[in-house]
Structures are given as C-alpha cells and as structure tokens.
C-alpha cells in the first residue's frame, strides 16, 4: 500500500548548502582565509522553489515537506513558509526526520551547543529569513523574548500552522552526543553496555525530551501526529529497511506515516501518535526490539568533531528560559 500512496509522487531533494537551515539572509559576504562565504540560505530556498514552480510545482495538489537532521530542523523553521506558497494544494504536510533538537543542558550543566546555535543564528542574520515563520511573528508581537529562539525546533513547532508529523528518537544519537555530551562511553549497541545509573540518565533525557514536545499544543492538535521511539539512532529511517521495520506496538514508521498522510487532515492527533518506551534497567536495556542498532555511530562521532569549536559567544544560557 505504501507504494500506492507514494510510488507515483515526484521527489525533489535539495542539498544542505547554507550552514543555517535555509534561513540565513545576510547581504554582505564574509571572507575567511581568502574564501568568500555567503550566508543566504533563505535566498537559496526561494530560488529552489521558484525554479520548481516553473517546472510545475506551482500547480501541485499534494505536497509533503521533509528533511533529516539539519533538513529536519529546516522543515520546522520553514514549513509554514513553504506551505504559504502553495495555497491551492489540496493537501500539504510537514514530516521531518530527526529534526527536533531539545533545548537542554549538557551533563556538565552548560548550554554550549545551544548557545553556539543561537550565536550562529545572529551571524547568519537568521531573522532576515524567518518570514513566514509563525514563531517569529509571535516574537514581533512580544510573545517571545528573543526572536533567534525561533530557530529552535521546539519554538517553531509550538507555532506551526501546517499539519505536522514528527519522526524522531527521544534518544537521538546526535543530540545525546552533542547536546547532552555525557555518558558517551556507552552510547553504542543500543545502550547495552550502560550502567544502571547511566540508563537512569538517559531515561531522564527521554522524559525531558517528551516534556518539550508535549508542551506544544500542536502535539495534540487535530491533523497532527508523531512517531517518537527510543532507539539510539539519527536519520536511520532514511534507510528503507528501517523505514519498513522500526515499529511501536506493531505499527511501523512507514505505516504510521501513510495512515497520517491518507487521513482527512482533521483526525484527532491521538489517532496518529506513537510514543517511546522506557529503557530497561536490567537485561537488554533497549526496550524496543525493532531498533536498527544503527551502524553509523562512527559517522555521528565524526559529526561531533566537525562542530564549531568552543568560542566566546553572546549566550551563556538560552535566552528567555
């Protein structure tokens, strides 16, 4: 049935090329080691959509926006903007993968990763690319203390108007390694080498993650849904085998996404929401036997090494929290 639903759709993939989630909008380029760099991600997005419009996207009937990791976060930030360009579409929805990065302290108690994101948002003039973002509109009304926070997934999600389906792990491998940055010695093999104390730490993270997701009224709004599991993975659902096998209570990711997409768009969110189990303290720690035990952990480790090094920045803790 999945092939019937999506098999005849056209897929357009855009490379990640701007460093700030298709949101940067800075007029003046910067020169780094003799190379000129342009922070104009939003203009890239506009140019991509303008080109696709000429090729027929303007008359689209069914349109789904998705992305993974940075592309997932871009879907949170730019989802309503993209939808606003196609008011004639019969159906529009946003279904990001691994794009919800919680505002959370590291194990050491600092917000270094989040602070770097907010600092880089200013560097890219991200507010210049927030047009169409409902969170930014709320910030302009004074409802949010710092407009740059709209570049965080939980803030943009809280104001989303488009129908939305979250696909994420509450124990996302990238977030644990880069935001939490603790208990790293056992962040592999689905936590099976972790101590009981470390499992308690990860249970606490999962609880905090779900608190941030569920704090938004969008989580229970009609037409929305979510598939949030407990696997130590990041973007694993991009793999077709995982897409067809990873499940919660017998419902696979692919089935859940299909049922949400084929719904009327006004179903109760509870009809399309699947939430994670809690890691086992004893025996095999992973409580979901369908987890893929993702083999690209080393790649995730390399992503950590590619992060911007710690430098002085304007934010010691997230603003407005």
C-alpha atoms as a PDB file:
ATOM      1  CA  UNK A   1       0.000   0.000   0.000  1.00  0.00           C
ATOM      2  CA  UNK A   2       2.876   2.373   0.683  1.00  0.00           C
ATOM      3  CA  UNK A   3       3.947   2.143  -2.953  1.00  0.00           C
ATOM      4  CA  UNK A   4       0.407   3.064  -3.976  1.00  0.00           C
ATOM      5  CA  UNK A   5       0.468   6.105  -1.685  1.00  0.00           C
ATOM      6  CA  UNK A   6       3.895   7.489  -2.528  1.00  0.00           C
ATOM      7  CA  UNK A   7       5.086   5.483  -5.529  1.00  0.00           C
ATOM      8  CA  UNK A   8       3.877   7.913  -8.179  1.00  0.00           C
ATOM      9  CA  UNK A   9       4.895  11.084  -6.373  1.00  0.00           C
ATOM     10  CA  UNK A  10       7.800  13.187  -7.565  1.00  0.00           C
ATOM     11  CA  UNK A  11      10.738  13.572  -5.174  1.00  0.00           C
ATOM     12  CA  UNK A  12      12.886  16.685  -5.155  1.00  0.00           C
ATOM     13  CA  UNK A  13      15.982  16.656  -2.962  1.00  0.00           C
ATOM     14  CA  UNK A  14      17.950  19.794  -2.091  1.00  0.00           C
ATOM     15  CA  UNK A  15      21.467  19.654  -0.734  1.00  0.00           C
ATOM     16  CA  UNK A  16      22.266  21.331   2.555  1.00  0.00           C
ATOM     17  CA  UNK A  17      24.371  24.269   1.484  1.00  0.00           C
ATOM     18  CA  UNK A  18      23.998  27.257   3.792  1.00  0.00           C
ATOM     19  CA  UNK A  19      25.008  26.305   7.341  1.00  0.00           C
ATOM     20  CA  UNK A  20      21.807  27.551   8.972  1.00  0.00           C
ATOM     21  CA  UNK A  21      18.784  25.542   7.879  1.00  0.00           C
ATOM     22  CA  UNK A  22      17.851  27.541   4.759  1.00  0.00           C
ATOM     23  CA  UNK A  23      17.328  30.606   6.921  1.00  0.00           C
ATOM     24  CA  UNK A  24      20.400  32.841   6.671  1.00  0.00           C
ATOM     25  CA  UNK A  25      19.852  36.138   4.869  1.00  0.00           C
ATOM     26  CA  UNK A  26      22.909  38.349   5.105  1.00  0.00           C
ATOM     27  CA  UNK A  27      23.589  40.934   2.407  1.00  0.00           C
ATOM     28  CA  UNK A  28      27.329  41.261   2.890  1.00  0.00           C
ATOM     29  CA  UNK A  29      29.533  38.203   2.363  1.00  0.00           C
ATOM     30  CA  UNK A  30      32.410  37.398   4.675  1.00  0.00           C
ATOM     31  CA  UNK A  31      35.919  36.369   3.690  1.00  0.00           C
ATOM     32  CA  UNK A  32      37.539  33.507   5.587  1.00  0.00           C
ATOM     33  CA  UNK A  33      41.098  32.505   4.693  1.00  0.00           C
ATOM     34  CA  UNK A  34      40.735  34.085   1.287  1.00  0.00           C
ATOM     35  CA  UNK A  35      37.400  32.436   0.512  1.00  0.00           C
ATOM     36  CA  UNK A  36      34.182  34.409   0.154  1.00  0.00           C
ATOM     37  CA  UNK A  37      31.223  32.954   2.027  1.00  0.00           C
ATOM     38  CA  UNK A  38      27.600  33.977   1.576  1.00  0.00           C
ATOM     39  CA  UNK A  39      25.068  33.446   4.364  1.00  0.00           C
ATOM     40  CA  UNK A  40      21.971  33.383   2.186  1.00  0.00           C
ATOM     41  CA  UNK A  41      20.206  30.115   2.884  1.00  0.00           C
ATOM     42  CA  UNK A  42      16.718  31.600   2.651  1.00  0.00           C
ATOM     43  CA  UNK A  43      17.507  33.011  -0.762  1.00  0.00           C
ATOM     44  CA  UNK A  44      18.676  29.542  -1.797  1.00  0.00           C
ATOM     45  CA  UNK A  45      15.341  28.107  -0.671  1.00  0.00           C
ATOM     46  CA  UNK A  46      13.383  30.784  -2.520  1.00  0.00           C
ATOM     47  CA  UNK A  47      15.428  30.209  -5.687  1.00  0.00           C
ATOM     48  CA  UNK A  48      14.878  26.449  -5.472  1.00  0.00           C
ATOM     49  CA  UNK A  49      11.122  26.862  -5.095  1.00  0.00           C
ATOM     50  CA  UNK A  50      10.951  29.499  -7.839  1.00  0.00           C
ATOM     51  CA  UNK A  51      12.716  27.089 -10.190  1.00  0.00           C
ATOM     52  CA  UNK A  52      10.445  24.201  -9.227  1.00  0.00           C
ATOM     53  CA  UNK A  53       7.406  26.414  -9.761  1.00  0.00           C
ATOM     54  CA  UNK A  54       8.474  26.888 -13.377  1.00  0.00           C
ATOM     55  CA  UNK A  55       8.679  23.108 -13.695  1.00  0.00           C
ATOM     56  CA  UNK A  56       5.143  22.579 -12.435  1.00  0.00           C
ATOM     57  CA  UNK A  57       5.233  22.754  -8.655  1.00  0.00           C
ATOM     58  CA  UNK A  58       3.016  25.830  -8.662  1.00  0.00           C
ATOM     59  CA  UNK A  59       0.013  23.659  -9.523  1.00  0.00           C
ATOM     60  CA  UNK A  60       0.801  20.892  -7.046  1.00  0.00           C
ATOM     61  CA  UNK A  61      -2.133  19.046  -5.467  1.00  0.00           C
ATOM     62  CA  UNK A  62      -0.351  17.055  -2.757  1.00  0.00           C
ATOM     63  CA  UNK A  63       2.871  18.296  -1.192  1.00  0.00           C
ATOM     64  CA  UNK A  64       4.892  16.927   1.701  1.00  0.00           C
ATOM     65  CA  UNK A  65       7.957  18.701   3.090  1.00  0.00           C
ATOM     66  CA  UNK A  66      10.562  16.645   4.900  1.00  0.00           C
ATOM     67  CA  UNK A  67      14.238  16.559   5.724  1.00  0.00           C
ATOM     68  CA  UNK A  68      16.630  14.838   8.067  1.00  0.00           C
ATOM     69  CA  UNK A  69      18.822  16.309  10.809  1.00  0.00           C
ATOM     70  CA  UNK A  70      19.580  19.872   9.644  1.00  0.00           C
ATOM     71  CA  UNK A  71      16.998  19.354   6.917  1.00  0.00           C
ATOM     72  CA  UNK A  72      14.567  18.253   9.585  1.00  0.00           C
ATOM     73  CA  UNK A  73      15.128  21.396  11.610  1.00  0.00           C
ATOM     74  CA  UNK A  74      14.770  23.433   8.413  1.00  0.00           C
ATOM     75  CA  UNK A  75      11.346  21.813   7.989  1.00  0.00           C
ATOM     76  CA  UNK A  76      10.325  23.078  11.432  1.00  0.00           C
ATOM     77  CA  UNK A  77      11.571  26.582  10.681  1.00  0.00           C
ATOM     78  CA  UNK A  78      10.440  26.950   7.062  1.00  0.00           C
ATOM     79  CA  UNK A  79       7.458  24.566   6.975  1.00  0.00           C
ATOM     80  CA  UNK A  80       4.795  27.257   7.170  1.00  0.00           C
ATOM     81  CA  UNK A  81       6.636  29.474   4.684  1.00  0.00           C
ATOM     82  CA  UNK A  82       6.771  26.675   2.116  1.00  0.00           C
ATOM     83  CA  UNK A  83       3.108  25.866   2.700  1.00  0.00           C
ATOM     84  CA  UNK A  84       2.114  29.508   2.252  1.00  0.00           C
ATOM     85  CA  UNK A  85       3.490  29.443  -1.284  1.00  0.00           C
ATOM     86  CA  UNK A  86       1.016  26.746  -2.344  1.00  0.00           C
ATOM     87  CA  UNK A  87      -2.410  27.776  -1.041  1.00  0.00           C
ATOM     88  CA  UNK A  88      -4.096  25.850  -3.840  1.00  0.00           C
ATOM     89  CA  UNK A  89      -2.656  22.498  -2.789  1.00  0.00           C
ATOM     90  CA  UNK A  90      -5.321  20.010  -1.768  1.00  0.00           C
ATOM     91  CA  UNK A  91      -3.020  18.583   0.893  1.00  0.00           C
ATOM     92  CA  UNK A  92       0.150  19.933   2.487  1.00  0.00           C
ATOM     93  CA  UNK A  93       2.027  18.435   5.408  1.00  0.00           C
ATOM     94  CA  UNK A  94       5.412  18.503   7.111  1.00  0.00           C
ATOM     95  CA  UNK A  95       7.095  15.298   8.301  1.00  0.00           C
ATOM     96  CA  UNK A  96      10.694  15.904   9.445  1.00  0.00           C
ATOM     97  CA  UNK A  97      13.119  13.154  10.480  1.00  0.00           C
ATOM     98  CA  UNK A  98      15.475  13.589  13.435  1.00  0.00           C
ATOM     99  CA  UNK A  99      14.946  17.337  13.420  1.00  0.00           C
ATOM    100  CA  UNK A 100      13.771  18.005  16.981  1.00  0.00           C
ATOM    101  CA  UNK A 101      16.795  19.191  18.972  1.00  0.00           C
ATOM    102  CA  UNK A 102      15.693  19.994  22.534  1.00  0.00           C
ATOM    103  CA  UNK A 103      16.924  22.992  24.482  1.00  0.00           C
ATOM    104  CA  UNK A 104      18.685  21.047  27.192  1.00  0.00           C
ATOM    105  CA  UNK A 105      21.754  21.353  29.385  1.00  0.00           C
ATOM    106  CA  UNK A 106      24.725  19.091  28.873  1.00  0.00           C
ATOM    107  CA  UNK A 107      25.572  16.586  31.565  1.00  0.00           C
ATOM    108  CA  UNK A 108      28.051  19.182  32.843  1.00  0.00           C
ATOM    109  CA  UNK A 109      25.215  21.693  33.207  1.00  0.00           C
ATOM    110  CA  UNK A 110      26.072  24.116  30.392  1.00  0.00           C
ATOM    111  CA  UNK A 111      24.191  25.065  27.231  1.00  0.00           C
ATOM    112  CA  UNK A 112      27.247  25.286  25.000  1.00  0.00           C
ATOM    113  CA  UNK A 113      25.721  23.595  21.964  1.00  0.00           C
ATOM    114  CA  UNK A 114      22.520  25.640  22.108  1.00  0.00           C
ATOM    115  CA  UNK A 115      24.484  28.827  22.711  1.00  0.00           C
ATOM    116  CA  UNK A 116      26.579  28.190  19.611  1.00  0.00           C
ATOM    117  CA  UNK A 117      23.438  27.688  17.543  1.00  0.00           C
ATOM    118  CA  UNK A 118      21.975  30.974  18.737  1.00  0.00           C
ATOM    119  CA  UNK A 119      25.244  32.798  18.124  1.00  0.00           C
ATOM    120  CA  UNK A 120      25.493  31.413  14.603  1.00  0.00           C
ATOM    121  CA  UNK A 121      21.880  32.471  14.005  1.00  0.00           C
ATOM    122  CA  UNK A 122      22.931  36.060  14.587  1.00  0.00           C
ATOM    123  CA  UNK A 123      25.987  35.585  12.363  1.00  0.00           C
ATOM    124  CA  UNK A 124      23.736  34.402   9.513  1.00  0.00           C
ATOM    125  CA  UNK A 125      21.115  37.112  10.143  1.00  0.00           C
ATOM    126  CA  UNK A 126      18.595  34.309  10.529  1.00  0.00           C
ATOM    127  CA  UNK A 127      15.806  36.691  11.497  1.00  0.00           C
ATOM    128  CA  UNK A 128      16.082  38.024   7.948  1.00  0.00           C
ATOM    129  CA  UNK A 129      14.995  34.582   6.754  1.00  0.00           C
ATOM    130  CA  UNK A 130      12.220  33.952   9.264  1.00  0.00           C
ATOM    131  CA  UNK A 131       9.489  35.441   7.072  1.00  0.00           C
ATOM    132  CA  UNK A 132       6.541  33.056   7.108  1.00  0.00           C
ATOM    133  CA  UNK A 133       7.620  31.562  10.443  1.00  0.00           C
ATOM    134  CA  UNK A 134       4.739  31.895  12.909  1.00  0.00           C
ATOM    135  CA  UNK A 135       7.079  31.837  15.900  1.00  0.00           C
ATOM    136  CA  UNK A 136       8.891  34.870  14.516  1.00  0.00           C
ATOM    137  CA  UNK A 137       5.583  36.650  14.068  1.00  0.00           C
ATOM    138  CA  UNK A 138       4.858  35.931  17.740  1.00  0.00           C
ATOM    139  CA  UNK A 139       8.274  37.321  18.672  1.00  0.00           C
ATOM    140  CA  UNK A 140       7.471  40.514  16.805  1.00  0.00           C
ATOM    141  CA  UNK A 141       4.309  40.767  18.909  1.00  0.00           C
ATOM    142  CA  UNK A 142       6.439  40.486  22.040  1.00  0.00           C
ATOM    143  CA  UNK A 143       5.331  36.962  22.962  1.00  0.00           C
ATOM    144  CA  UNK A 144       8.908  35.618  22.778  1.00  0.00           C
ATOM    145  CA  UNK A 145      11.844  37.435  24.323  1.00  0.00           C
ATOM    146  CA  UNK A 146      14.446  36.582  21.680  1.00  0.00           C
ATOM    147  CA  UNK A 147      13.456  36.058  18.024  1.00  0.00           C
ATOM    148  CA  UNK A 148      16.509  33.881  17.400  1.00  0.00           C
ATOM    149  CA  UNK A 149      14.851  31.222  19.561  1.00  0.00           C
ATOM    150  CA  UNK A 150      12.502  30.629  16.627  1.00  0.00           C
ATOM    151  CA  UNK A 151      15.417  28.790  15.060  1.00  0.00           C
ATOM    152  CA  UNK A 152      14.977  26.090  17.704  1.00  0.00           C
ATOM    153  CA  UNK A 153      12.646  23.246  16.803  1.00  0.00           C
ATOM    154  CA  UNK A 154      10.511  23.360  19.940  1.00  0.00           C
ATOM    155  CA  UNK A 155       9.793  27.069  19.495  1.00  0.00           C
ATOM    156  CA  UNK A 156       8.891  26.816  15.802  1.00  0.00           C
ATOM    157  CA  UNK A 157       6.851  23.664  16.425  1.00  0.00           C
ATOM    158  CA  UNK A 158       4.801  25.429  19.093  1.00  0.00           C
ATOM    159  CA  UNK A 159       3.521  27.905  16.494  1.00  0.00           C
ATOM    160  CA  UNK A 160       3.243  25.682  13.389  1.00  0.00           C
ATOM    161  CA  UNK A 161       0.059  26.011  11.346  1.00  0.00           C
ATOM    162  CA  UNK A 162       0.748  23.249   8.812  1.00  0.00           C
ATOM    163  CA  UNK A 163      -0.291  19.691   9.580  1.00  0.00           C
ATOM    164  CA  UNK A 164       2.750  18.103  11.152  1.00  0.00           C
ATOM    165  CA  UNK A 165       4.065  14.584  11.771  1.00  0.00           C
ATOM    166  CA  UNK A 166       7.201  14.262  13.930  1.00  0.00           C
ATOM    167  CA  UNK A 167       9.516  11.319  13.217  1.00  0.00           C
ATOM    168  CA  UNK A 168      12.243  11.284  15.848  1.00  0.00           C
ATOM    169  CA  UNK A 169      14.011   9.314  18.514  1.00  0.00           C
ATOM    170  CA  UNK A 170      13.647  10.616  22.046  1.00  0.00           C
ATOM    171  CA  UNK A 171      17.190   9.268  22.465  1.00  0.00           C
ATOM    172  CA  UNK A 172      18.562  10.717  19.250  1.00  0.00           C
ATOM    173  CA  UNK A 173      22.214   9.754  18.841  1.00  0.00           C
ATOM    174  CA  UNK A 174      23.329  13.157  17.569  1.00  0.00           C
ATOM    175  CA  UNK A 175      21.574  15.065  20.350  1.00  0.00           C
ATOM    176  CA  UNK A 176      22.932  12.799  23.069  1.00  0.00           C
ATOM    177  CA  UNK A 177      26.460  13.127  21.763  1.00  0.00           C
ATOM    178  CA  UNK A 178      26.433  16.853  21.053  1.00  0.00           C
ATOM    179  CA  UNK A 179      23.855  18.468  23.342  1.00  0.00           C
ATOM    180  CA  UNK A 180      23.898  16.151  26.356  1.00  0.00           C
ATOM    181  CA  UNK A 181      27.555  15.179  25.831  1.00  0.00           C
ATOM    182  CA  UNK A 182      27.534  12.757  28.743  1.00  0.00           C
ATOM    183  CA  UNK A 183      27.815   9.015  29.347  1.00  0.00           C
ATOM    184  CA  UNK A 184      29.446   8.867  25.932  1.00  0.00           C
ATOM    185  CA  UNK A 185      31.322   5.650  26.699  1.00  0.00           C
ATOM    186  CA  UNK A 186      28.133   3.596  26.379  1.00  0.00           C
ATOM    187  CA  UNK A 187      26.355   5.427  23.579  1.00  0.00           C
ATOM    188  CA  UNK A 188      26.500   2.449  21.248  1.00  0.00           C
ATOM    189  CA  UNK A 189      24.953  -1.007  20.820  1.00  0.00           C
ATOM    190  CA  UNK A 190      21.554   0.315  21.954  1.00  0.00           C
ATOM    191  CA  UNK A 191      22.912   1.226  25.417  1.00  0.00           C
ATOM    192  CA  UNK A 192      23.636  -2.404  26.358  1.00  0.00           C
ATOM    193  CA  UNK A 193      26.967  -1.561  27.997  1.00  0.00           C
ATOM    194  CA  UNK A 194      25.495   1.223  30.137  1.00  0.00           C
ATOM    195  CA  UNK A 195      25.326   1.029  33.914  1.00  0.00           C
ATOM    196  CA  UNK A 196      22.021   1.306  35.753  1.00  0.00           C
ATOM    197  CA  UNK A 197      22.962   4.890  36.663  1.00  0.00           C
ATOM    198  CA  UNK A 198      23.652   5.743  33.034  1.00  0.00           C
ATOM    199  CA  UNK A 199      20.335   4.230  31.984  1.00  0.00           C
ATOM    200  CA  UNK A 200      18.729   6.473  34.592  1.00  0.00           C
ATOM    201  CA  UNK A 201      20.461   9.461  32.996  1.00  0.00           C
ATOM    202  CA  UNK A 202      19.102   8.554  29.571  1.00  0.00           C
ATOM    203  CA  UNK A 203      15.638   7.934  30.983  1.00  0.00           C
ATOM    204  CA  UNK A 204      15.776  11.457  32.385  1.00  0.00           C
ATOM    205  CA  UNK A 205      16.774  12.833  28.982  1.00  0.00           C
ATOM    206  CA  UNK A 206      13.926  10.964  27.292  1.00  0.00           C
ATOM    207  CA  UNK A 207      11.446  12.333  29.823  1.00  0.00           C
ATOM    208  CA  UNK A 208      12.728  15.884  29.291  1.00  0.00           C
ATOM    209  CA  UNK A 209      12.556  15.429  25.515  1.00  0.00           C
ATOM    210  CA  UNK A 210       8.938  14.321  25.675  1.00  0.00           C
ATOM    211  CA  UNK A 211       8.085  17.174  28.050  1.00  0.00           C
ATOM    212  CA  UNK A 212       9.332  19.681  25.455  1.00  0.00           C
ATOM    213  CA  UNK A 213       7.455  18.024  22.598  1.00  0.00           C
ATOM    214  CA  UNK A 214       4.223  17.650  24.557  1.00  0.00           C
ATOM    215  CA  UNK A 215       4.378  21.223  25.871  1.00  0.00           C
ATOM    216  CA  UNK A 216       3.245  22.469  22.456  1.00  0.00           C
ATOM    217  CA  UNK A 217      -0.476  22.449  21.770  1.00  0.00           C
ATOM    218  CA  UNK A 218       0.431  21.223  18.287  1.00  0.00           C
ATOM    219  CA  UNK A 219       1.221  17.820  19.774  1.00  0.00           C
ATOM    220  CA  UNK A 220      -2.471  17.216  20.421  1.00  0.00           C
ATOM    221  CA  UNK A 221      -3.931  19.387  17.657  1.00  0.00           C
ATOM    222  CA  UNK A 222      -6.229  17.716  15.142  1.00  0.00           C
ATOM    223  CA  UNK A 223      -4.463  16.780  11.933  1.00  0.00           C
ATOM    224  CA  UNK A 224      -1.086  16.239  13.564  1.00  0.00           C
ATOM    225  CA  UNK A 225       0.761  13.141  14.709  1.00  0.00           C
ATOM    226  CA  UNK A 226       4.115  11.760  15.797  1.00  0.00           C
ATOM    227  CA  UNK A 227       6.240   8.640  15.760  1.00  0.00           C
ATOM    228  CA  UNK A 228       8.775   9.000  18.571  1.00  0.00           C
ATOM    229  CA  UNK A 229      10.782   5.947  19.595  1.00  0.00           C
ATOM    230  CA  UNK A 230      13.642   5.094  21.944  1.00  0.00           C
ATOM    231  CA  UNK A 231      16.326   3.901  19.501  1.00  0.00           C
ATOM    232  CA  UNK A 232      19.890   5.203  19.571  1.00  0.00           C
ATOM    233  CA  UNK A 233      19.774   6.473  16.015  1.00  0.00           C
ATOM    234  CA  UNK A 234      19.886   9.581  13.881  1.00  0.00           C
ATOM    235  CA  UNK A 235      18.196   9.635  10.482  1.00  0.00           C
ATOM    236  CA  UNK A 236      18.045   5.826  10.450  1.00  0.00           C
ATOM    237  CA  UNK A 237      14.555   5.993   8.941  1.00  0.00           C
ATOM    238  CA  UNK A 238      16.131   7.175   5.682  1.00  0.00           C
ATOM    239  CA  UNK A 239      17.136   3.533   5.243  1.00  0.00           C
ATOM    240  CA  UNK A 240      14.272   1.724   3.506  1.00  0.00           C
ATOM    241  CA  UNK A 241      14.679  -1.424   5.597  1.00  0.00           C
ATOM    242  CA  UNK A 242      14.420   0.570   8.829  1.00  0.00           C
ATOM    243  CA  UNK A 243      11.511   2.579   7.413  1.00  0.00           C
ATOM    244  CA  UNK A 244       9.613  -0.682   6.913  1.00  0.00           C
ATOM    245  CA  UNK A 245      10.648  -2.435  10.143  1.00  0.00           C
ATOM    246  CA  UNK A 246      11.049   0.061  13.002  1.00  0.00           C
ATOM    247  CA  UNK A 247       7.807  -0.136  14.941  1.00  0.00           C
ATOM    248  CA  UNK A 248       5.934   0.812  18.100  1.00  0.00           C
ATOM    249  CA  UNK A 249       3.299  -1.639  19.308  1.00  0.00           C
ATOM    250  CA  UNK A 250       3.246  -3.310  15.900  1.00  0.00           C
ATOM    251  CA  UNK A 251       2.892  -0.074  13.903  1.00  0.00           C
ATOM    252  CA  UNK A 252       5.865   0.628  11.626  1.00  0.00           C
ATOM    253  CA  UNK A 253       7.103   4.102  10.756  1.00  0.00           C
ATOM    254  CA  UNK A 254       6.017   3.625   7.161  1.00  0.00           C
ATOM    255  CA  UNK A 255       2.516   2.531   8.170  1.00  0.00           C
ATOM    256  CA  UNK A 256       2.139   5.385  10.646  1.00  0.00           C
ATOM    257  CA  UNK A 257       3.249   7.983   8.101  1.00  0.00           C
ATOM    258  CA  UNK A 258       0.984   6.534   5.446  1.00  0.00           C
ATOM    259  CA  UNK A 259      -2.071   6.479   7.700  1.00  0.00           C
ATOM    260  CA  UNK A 260      -1.439  10.063   8.799  1.00  0.00           C
ATOM    261  CA  UNK A 261      -0.956  11.240   5.212  1.00  0.00           C
ATOM    262  CA  UNK A 262      -4.058   9.467   3.931  1.00  0.00           C
ATOM    263  CA  UNK A 263      -6.235  10.794   6.760  1.00  0.00           C
ATOM    264  CA  UNK A 264      -8.685  13.645   6.350  1.00  0.00           C
ATOM    265  CA  UNK A 265      -6.310  16.123   7.952  1.00  0.00           C
ATOM    266  CA  UNK A 266      -8.659  16.631  10.866  1.00  0.00           C
ATOM    267  CA  UNK A 267      -8.280  13.346  12.755  1.00  0.00           C
ATOM    268  CA  UNK A 268      -7.526  13.560  16.486  1.00  0.00           C
ATOM    269  CA  UNK A 269      -3.761  13.651  16.952  1.00  0.00           C
ATOM    270  CA  UNK A 270      -4.038  10.669  19.289  1.00  0.00           C
ATOM    271  CA  UNK A 271      -5.067   8.531  16.306  1.00  0.00           C
ATOM    272  CA  UNK A 272      -1.654   9.121  14.731  1.00  0.00           C
ATOM    273  CA  UNK A 273       0.657   9.469  17.733  1.00  0.00           C
ATOM    274  CA  UNK A 274       3.125   6.820  18.896  1.00  0.00           C
ATOM    275  CA  UNK A 275       5.419   7.441  21.865  1.00  0.00           C
ATOM    276  CA  UNK A 276       8.550   5.714  23.170  1.00  0.00           C
ATOM    277  CA  UNK A 277       9.017   3.034  25.778  1.00  0.00           C
ATOM    278  CA  UNK A 278      11.457   3.484  28.678  1.00  0.00           C
ATOM    279  CA  UNK A 279      14.829   1.740  28.651  1.00  0.00           C
ATOM    280  CA  UNK A 280      15.096  -1.396  30.772  1.00  0.00           C
ATOM    281  CA  UNK A 281      17.256  -1.143  33.874  1.00  0.00           C
ATOM    282  CA  UNK A 282      18.158  -4.853  33.783  1.00  0.00           C
ATOM    283  CA  UNK A 283      18.981  -7.229  30.942  1.00  0.00           C
ATOM    284  CA  UNK A 284      18.966  -5.778  27.450  1.00  0.00           C
ATOM    285  CA  UNK A 285      18.471  -2.087  28.043  1.00  0.00           C
ATOM    286  CA  UNK A 286      16.755  -1.235  24.767  1.00  0.00           C
ATOM    287  CA  UNK A 287      13.025  -1.691  25.262  1.00  0.00           C
ATOM    288  CA  UNK A 288      12.163  -1.604  21.557  1.00  0.00           C
ATOM    289  CA  UNK A 289      13.308  -4.834  19.859  1.00  0.00           C
ATOM    290  CA  UNK A 290      12.830  -3.361  16.377  1.00  0.00           C
ATOM    291  CA  UNK A 291      15.565  -0.722  16.764  1.00  0.00           C
ATOM    292  CA  UNK A 292      18.069  -0.889  13.893  1.00  0.00           C
ATOM    293  CA  UNK A 293      21.208  -0.743  16.089  1.00  0.00           C
ATOM    294  CA  UNK A 294      22.460   1.890  13.695  1.00  0.00           C
ATOM    295  CA  UNK A 295      25.924   1.155  12.368  1.00  0.00           C
ATOM    296  CA  UNK A 296      26.857   4.736  11.532  1.00  0.00           C
ATOM    297  CA  UNK A 297      27.719   5.650  15.116  1.00  0.00           C
ATOM    298  CA  UNK A 298      31.253   6.469  13.967  1.00  0.00           C
ATOM    299  CA  UNK A 299      29.840   8.900  11.429  1.00  0.00           C
ATOM    300  CA  UNK A 300      27.851  10.564  14.199  1.00  0.00           C
ATOM    301  CA  UNK A 301      31.083  10.797  16.192  1.00  0.00           C
ATOM    302  CA  UNK A 302      32.768  12.462  13.234  1.00  0.00           C
ATOM    303  CA  UNK A 303      29.895  14.958  13.043  1.00  0.00           C
ATOM    304  CA  UNK A 304      30.687  15.938  16.607  1.00  0.00           C
ATOM    305  CA  UNK A 305      34.291  16.618  15.653  1.00  0.00           C
ATOM    306  CA  UNK A 306      33.121  18.859  12.800  1.00  0.00           C
ATOM    307  CA  UNK A 307      31.108  21.070  15.147  1.00  0.00           C
ATOM    308  CA  UNK A 308      32.170  24.672  15.642  1.00  0.00           C
ATOM    309  CA  UNK A 309      34.814  24.723  18.396  1.00  0.00           C
ATOM    310  CA  UNK A 310      34.020  26.409  21.670  1.00  0.00           C
ATOM    311  CA  UNK A 311      34.458  30.154  21.309  1.00  0.00           C
ATOM    312  CA  UNK A 312      33.270  33.200  23.249  1.00  0.00           C
ATOM    313  CA  UNK A 313      29.662  33.914  22.388  1.00  0.00           C
ATOM    314  CA  UNK A 314      26.832  36.176  23.369  1.00  0.00           C
ATOM    315  CA  UNK A 315      24.723  33.482  25.011  1.00  0.00           C
ATOM    316  CA  UNK A 316      25.857  31.650  28.135  1.00  0.00           C
ATOM    317  CA  UNK A 317      22.395  30.088  28.507  1.00  0.00           C
ATOM    318  CA  UNK A 318      19.386  30.112  26.173  1.00  0.00           C
ATOM    319  CA  UNK A 319      17.663  33.461  26.273  1.00  0.00           C
ATOM    320  CA  UNK A 320      14.115  33.692  27.501  1.00  0.00           C
ATOM    321  CA  UNK A 321      14.215  30.472  29.526  1.00  0.00           C
END
